[in-house]
Amino acid sequence: DLDAFYEQMIDLHKQEKKQGSEDFVDLLLKLEKEEAVLGNDKLTRNHIKAILMNVLLAGIDTSAITMTWAMTELARNPRVMKKVQSEIRNHMGSRSTITLDDTDHFKYLKMVIKETWRLHPTTPILLPREVMSEFEINGYTIPVKTRLHVNVWAIGRDPDTWKEPEVFLPERFVDSDIDAKGQHFELLPFGGGRRICPAIYMGTTMVEFGLANMLHRFDWELPEGMKVEDIDIEEAPGLTVNKKNELLLVPVAVKYIDH
């Protein structure tokens, strides 16, 4: 059950690690050991499990949204679909089962995912920040206590930053060092700084692994009578931006023989 899963995760994090490899769970365990106060109570193991549950559920939801948008754009761009499938299948050969180690070789798939995050960030507006000391930017003075909202959706479609921003073009990331880890402000699907989304690595892994399997194991066709031009990209506004209308594709299984 989930409780056993979290206990196993915690046990793994209690094992000795290399310096600098600590993550969000390690921080929670450190706070528990230091008997940190959470509200009116000390941080307990149950608190940690509840926090991990929130992170897990949030990661599942946003990962599903990203995969939906990625498949939408791939269906609208058959050239890109064919190219990313060729990359995956050429690497896998006759093997049907993809491992996490395999995903390290899917460079074009990673570009497809970055391009999906650019055009369709699951969280269009980052969590607000509050100014702690007055500063000036572009001639504007920003006073203390000002609440700032970062519009990630607009950044991803800024023509001063991206050439032909409305075009789905994964190749724009060829020879680019831009990643989604919060260090490049052109691409901030998980935010940045100390309050970056704690599910960044889990979410990225889920999207890479999920898309790789779908693209490797299946060919994807449009329903009978439907054309590429009929695929809409209308958004459903909210705290997260999902596709307003369901994506309808027909999966055609590809047979492999594992050796």
Protein backbone atom coordinates (compact mmCIF):
# COMPACT_ATOMS: atom_id res chain seq x y z
CA ASP A 1 0.00 0.00 0.00
CA LEU A 2 0.99 3.67 -0.11
CA ASP A 3 2.13 3.70 3.52
CA ALA A 4 4.58 0.87 2.83
CA PHE A 5 5.75 2.69 -0.31
CA TYR A 6 6.55 5.85 1.68
CA GLU A 7 8.29 3.82 4.40
CA GLN A 8 10.48 2.21 1.76
CA MET A 9 11.26 5.62 0.26
CA ILE A 10 12.22 6.97 3.69
CA ASP A 11 14.39 3.92 4.45
CA LEU A 12 16.26 4.40 1.17
CA HIS A 13 16.91 8.04 2.01
CA LYS A 14 18.33 7.11 5.40
CA GLN A 15 21.16 5.27 3.69
CA GLU A 16 24.48 7.10 3.43
CA LYS A 17 24.68 9.44 0.45
CA LYS A 18 27.33 11.38 -1.39
CA GLN A 19 27.78 14.98 -0.30
CA GLY A 20 25.59 17.30 -2.36
CA SER A 21 23.15 14.60 -3.51
CA GLU A 22 20.51 15.36 -0.86
CA ASP A 23 16.96 15.98 -2.04
CA PHE A 24 13.56 17.10 -0.71
CA VAL A 25 12.99 13.91 1.30
CA ASP A 26 16.43 14.22 2.91
CA LEU A 27 15.53 17.75 4.00
CA LEU A 28 12.27 16.56 5.59
CA LEU A 29 14.09 13.78 7.46
CA LYS A 30 16.68 16.26 8.67
CA LEU A 31 13.95 18.55 10.00
CA GLU A 32 12.30 15.58 11.72
CA LYS A 33 15.59 14.68 13.40
CA GLU A 34 16.05 18.27 14.54
CA GLU A 35 12.49 18.19 15.94
CA ALA A 36 11.43 21.14 13.82
CA VAL A 37 8.07 22.71 14.65
CA LEU A 38 5.26 22.54 12.07
CA GLY A 39 2.48 24.88 13.20
CA ASN A 40 1.90 23.93 16.84
CA ASP A 41 3.40 20.44 16.59
CA LYS A 42 6.77 18.90 15.92
CA LEU A 43 7.33 17.48 12.45
CA THR A 44 6.49 13.77 12.59
CA ARG A 45 6.76 10.81 10.25
CA ASN A 46 3.05 11.12 9.45
CA HIS A 47 3.56 14.78 8.49
CA ILE A 48 6.35 13.72 6.12
CA LYS A 49 4.15 11.06 4.51
CA ALA A 50 1.33 13.58 4.05
CA ILE A 51 3.71 16.03 2.36
CA LEU A 52 5.02 13.28 0.08
CA MET A 53 1.45 12.33 -0.80
CA ASN A 54 0.73 15.91 -1.90
CA VAL A 55 3.89 15.98 -4.00
CA LEU A 56 3.06 12.61 -5.59
CA LEU A 57 -0.51 13.54 -6.50
CA ALA A 58 0.54 16.93 -7.89
CA GLY A 59 3.26 15.26 -9.94
CA ILE A 60 0.84 12.72 -11.42
CA ASP A 61 -1.69 15.39 -12.44
CA THR A 62 0.77 17.77 -14.10
CA SER A 63 2.66 14.91 -15.76
CA ALA A 64 -0.58 13.66 -17.33
CA ILE A 65 -1.31 17.17 -18.61
CA THR A 66 2.16 17.44 -20.16
CA MET A 67 1.84 14.05 -21.87
CA THR A 68 -1.57 15.01 -23.26
CA TRP A 69 -0.18 18.22 -24.76
CA ALA A 70 2.90 16.40 -26.09
CA MET A 71 0.77 13.79 -27.87
CA THR A 72 -1.46 16.57 -29.19
CA GLU A 73 1.49 18.40 -30.74
CA LEU A 74 2.99 15.18 -32.09
CA ALA A 75 -0.32 14.29 -33.74
CA ARG A 76 -0.42 17.78 -35.28
CA ASN A 77 3.18 17.42 -36.48
CA PRO A 78 3.64 13.97 -38.12
CA ARG A 79 7.26 14.76 -39.04
CA VAL A 80 8.17 15.21 -35.38
CA MET A 81 6.17 12.12 -34.40
CA LYS A 82 8.06 9.99 -36.92
CA LYS A 83 11.43 11.41 -35.90
CA VAL A 84 11.00 10.81 -32.17
CA GLN A 85 9.62 7.30 -32.75
CA SER A 86 12.60 6.48 -34.98
CA GLU A 87 15.01 7.64 -32.28
CA ILE A 88 13.37 5.44 -29.66
CA ARG A 89 12.94 2.37 -31.87
CA ASN A 90 16.43 2.54 -33.38
CA HIS A 91 17.90 2.54 -29.88
CA MET A 92 15.62 -0.22 -28.57
CA GLY A 93 15.95 -2.58 -31.53
CA SER A 94 13.81 -5.66 -30.90
CA ARG A 95 13.44 -4.96 -27.18
CA SER A 96 9.96 -3.97 -26.03
CA THR A 97 10.69 -3.05 -22.40
CA ILE A 98 12.11 0.44 -21.86
CA THR A 99 14.18 1.07 -18.74
CA LEU A 100 15.03 4.38 -17.12
CA ASP A 101 18.61 3.95 -18.38
CA ASP A 102 17.27 3.85 -21.94
CA THR A 103 15.65 7.27 -21.56
CA ASP A 104 19.12 8.84 -21.22
CA HIS A 105 19.64 8.06 -24.92
CA PHE A 106 16.45 9.75 -26.10
CA LYS A 107 17.84 13.22 -26.82
CA TYR A 108 15.17 14.23 -29.32
CA LEU A 109 12.41 13.07 -26.98
CA LYS A 110 13.82 15.40 -24.33
CA MET A 111 13.66 18.25 -26.87
CA VAL A 112 10.03 17.37 -27.61
CA ILE A 113 9.24 17.57 -23.91
CA LYS A 114 11.02 20.92 -23.52
CA GLU A 115 9.10 22.31 -26.48
CA THR A 116 5.86 21.05 -24.93
CA TRP A 117 6.70 22.79 -21.64
CA ARG A 118 7.49 25.98 -23.56
CA LEU A 119 4.17 26.12 -25.42
CA HIS A 120 1.99 24.41 -22.82
CA PRO A 121 3.30 24.94 -19.27
CA THR A 122 1.01 23.07 -16.89
CA THR A 123 1.17 25.96 -14.43
CA PRO A 124 0.92 29.18 -16.49
CA ILE A 125 1.46 31.51 -13.52
CA LEU A 126 4.08 30.59 -10.93
CA LEU A 127 3.38 30.80 -7.22
CA PRO A 128 3.58 34.48 -6.18
CA ARG A 129 6.68 36.00 -4.63
CA GLU A 130 6.82 38.96 -2.26
CA VAL A 131 9.47 41.67 -2.54
CA MET A 132 11.63 41.80 0.61
CA SER A 133 13.67 44.88 -0.30
CA GLU A 134 13.00 47.67 -2.80
CA PHE A 135 14.67 47.38 -6.20
CA GLU A 136 14.53 48.90 -9.67
CA ILE A 137 14.11 47.08 -12.98
CA ASN A 138 13.69 48.58 -16.47
CA GLY A 139 13.03 51.99 -14.96
CA TYR A 140 10.34 50.75 -12.56
CA THR A 141 10.78 50.94 -8.80
CA ILE A 142 9.34 47.89 -7.06
CA PRO A 143 8.55 48.65 -3.39
CA VAL A 144 8.73 46.28 -0.44
CA LYS A 145 5.75 43.93 0.05
CA THR A 146 4.85 44.02 -3.67
CA ARG A 147 3.46 40.68 -4.80
CA LEU A 148 5.02 39.42 -8.03
CA HIS A 149 3.53 36.90 -10.44
CA VAL A 150 5.66 35.29 -13.16
CA ASN A 151 3.73 34.55 -16.37
CA VAL A 152 5.46 31.43 -17.66
CA TRP A 153 2.91 31.03 -20.46
CA ALA A 154 3.78 34.47 -21.88
CA ILE A 155 7.54 33.90 -21.52
CA GLY A 156 7.28 30.74 -23.62
CA ARG A 157 5.59 32.66 -26.44
CA ASP A 158 7.71 35.82 -26.32
CA PRO A 159 8.92 36.61 -29.88
CA ASP A 160 11.92 38.49 -28.47
CA THR A 161 13.10 35.25 -26.86
CA TRP A 162 11.86 32.55 -29.23
CA LYS A 163 11.92 32.58 -33.03
CA GLU A 164 8.48 31.73 -34.43
CA PRO A 165 7.13 31.09 -30.92
CA GLU A 166 3.79 29.66 -32.08
CA VAL A 167 5.51 26.88 -34.06
CA PHE A 168 6.12 23.51 -32.38
CA LEU A 169 9.79 22.98 -33.22
CA PRO A 170 11.83 20.74 -30.86
CA GLU A 171 14.95 21.38 -32.99
CA ARG A 172 15.19 24.85 -31.44
CA PHE A 173 16.86 23.10 -28.47
CA VAL A 174 19.62 21.51 -30.56
CA ASP A 175 23.01 22.70 -29.21
CA SER A 176 21.14 24.69 -26.55
CA ASP A 177 22.01 24.51 -22.86
CA ILE A 178 18.52 25.65 -21.82
CA ASP A 179 16.97 23.21 -19.35
CA ALA A 180 13.94 23.22 -17.06
CA LYS A 181 15.79 23.21 -13.74
CA GLY A 182 15.12 26.86 -12.93
CA GLN A 183 18.46 28.28 -14.06
CA HIS A 184 17.27 29.53 -17.45
CA PHE A 185 14.45 32.05 -17.22
CA GLU A 186 13.33 31.34 -20.80
CA LEU A 187 11.92 27.99 -19.64
CA LEU A 188 10.43 27.73 -16.16
CA PRO A 189 7.83 24.92 -16.10
CA PHE A 190 8.78 24.06 -12.51
CA GLY A 191 9.61 27.56 -11.31
CA GLY A 192 13.03 28.36 -9.89
CA GLY A 193 15.00 29.25 -6.81
CA ARG A 194 14.53 27.72 -3.37
CA ARG A 195 10.81 27.26 -3.98
CA ILE A 196 11.16 25.33 -7.21
CA CYS A 197 8.63 22.51 -7.56
CA PRO A 198 9.85 19.62 -5.34
CA ALA A 199 8.43 17.11 -7.84
CA ILE A 200 10.65 18.31 -10.71
CA TYR A 201 12.67 15.11 -11.03
CA MET A 202 9.76 12.76 -10.42
CA GLY A 203 7.60 14.67 -12.90
CA THR A 204 10.30 14.75 -15.57
CA THR A 205 10.94 11.03 -15.19
CA MET A 206 7.23 10.19 -15.41
CA VAL A 207 6.82 12.23 -18.60
CA GLU A 208 9.94 10.84 -20.29
CA PHE A 209 9.17 7.25 -19.35
CA GLY A 210 5.46 7.51 -20.18
CA LEU A 211 5.93 9.12 -23.59
CA ALA A 212 8.80 6.81 -24.50
CA ASN A 213 6.65 3.75 -23.86
CA MET A 214 3.62 5.10 -25.72
CA LEU A 215 5.71 6.07 -28.75
CA HIS A 216 7.70 2.84 -28.77
CA ARG A 217 4.87 0.36 -28.30
CA PHE A 218 2.24 2.04 -30.49
CA ASP A 219 1.75 3.87 -33.73
CA TRP A 220 -0.88 6.58 -33.40
CA GLU A 221 -3.54 7.30 -35.99
CA LEU A 222 -6.35 9.81 -36.22
CA PRO A 223 -9.95 8.57 -36.00
CA GLU A 224 -11.58 7.83 -39.35
CA GLY A 225 -12.53 10.99 -41.21
CA MET A 226 -10.39 13.25 -39.03
CA LYS A 227 -7.56 15.36 -40.46
CA VAL A 228 -4.49 16.83 -38.78
CA GLU A 229 -5.99 20.28 -39.22
CA ASP A 230 -8.98 19.19 -37.12
CA ILE A 231 -6.88 18.72 -33.96
CA ASP A 232 -7.54 21.71 -31.74
CA ILE A 233 -5.26 23.18 -29.07
CA GLU A 234 -7.88 25.12 -27.13
CA GLU A 235 -6.97 25.45 -23.48
CA ALA A 236 -9.11 25.04 -20.37
CA PRO A 237 -8.03 27.95 -18.12
CA GLY A 238 -7.33 27.40 -14.44
CA LEU A 239 -4.49 26.99 -11.95
CA THR A 240 -3.27 24.32 -14.35
CA VAL A 241 -3.91 24.50 -18.09
CA ASN A 242 -5.25 21.29 -19.55
CA LYS A 243 -6.55 20.65 -23.05
CA LYS A 244 -10.18 21.80 -23.17
CA ASN A 245 -11.35 19.05 -25.51
CA GLU A 246 -10.26 15.44 -25.27
CA LEU A 247 -7.52 14.23 -27.60
CA LEU A 248 -8.79 11.33 -29.70
CA LEU A 249 -6.13 9.05 -31.21
CA VAL A 250 -6.21 5.40 -32.27
CA PRO A 251 -3.32 3.26 -30.92
CA VAL A 252 -1.96 0.53 -33.18
CA ALA A 253 0.20 -1.95 -31.28
CA VAL A 254 3.71 -2.68 -32.56
CA LYS A 255 5.00 -6.19 -31.84
CA TYR A 256 8.50 -6.74 -30.45
CA ILE A 257 10.38 -9.85 -29.38
CA ASP A 258 12.53 -9.41 -26.27
CA HIS A 259 15.82 -11.32 -26.31
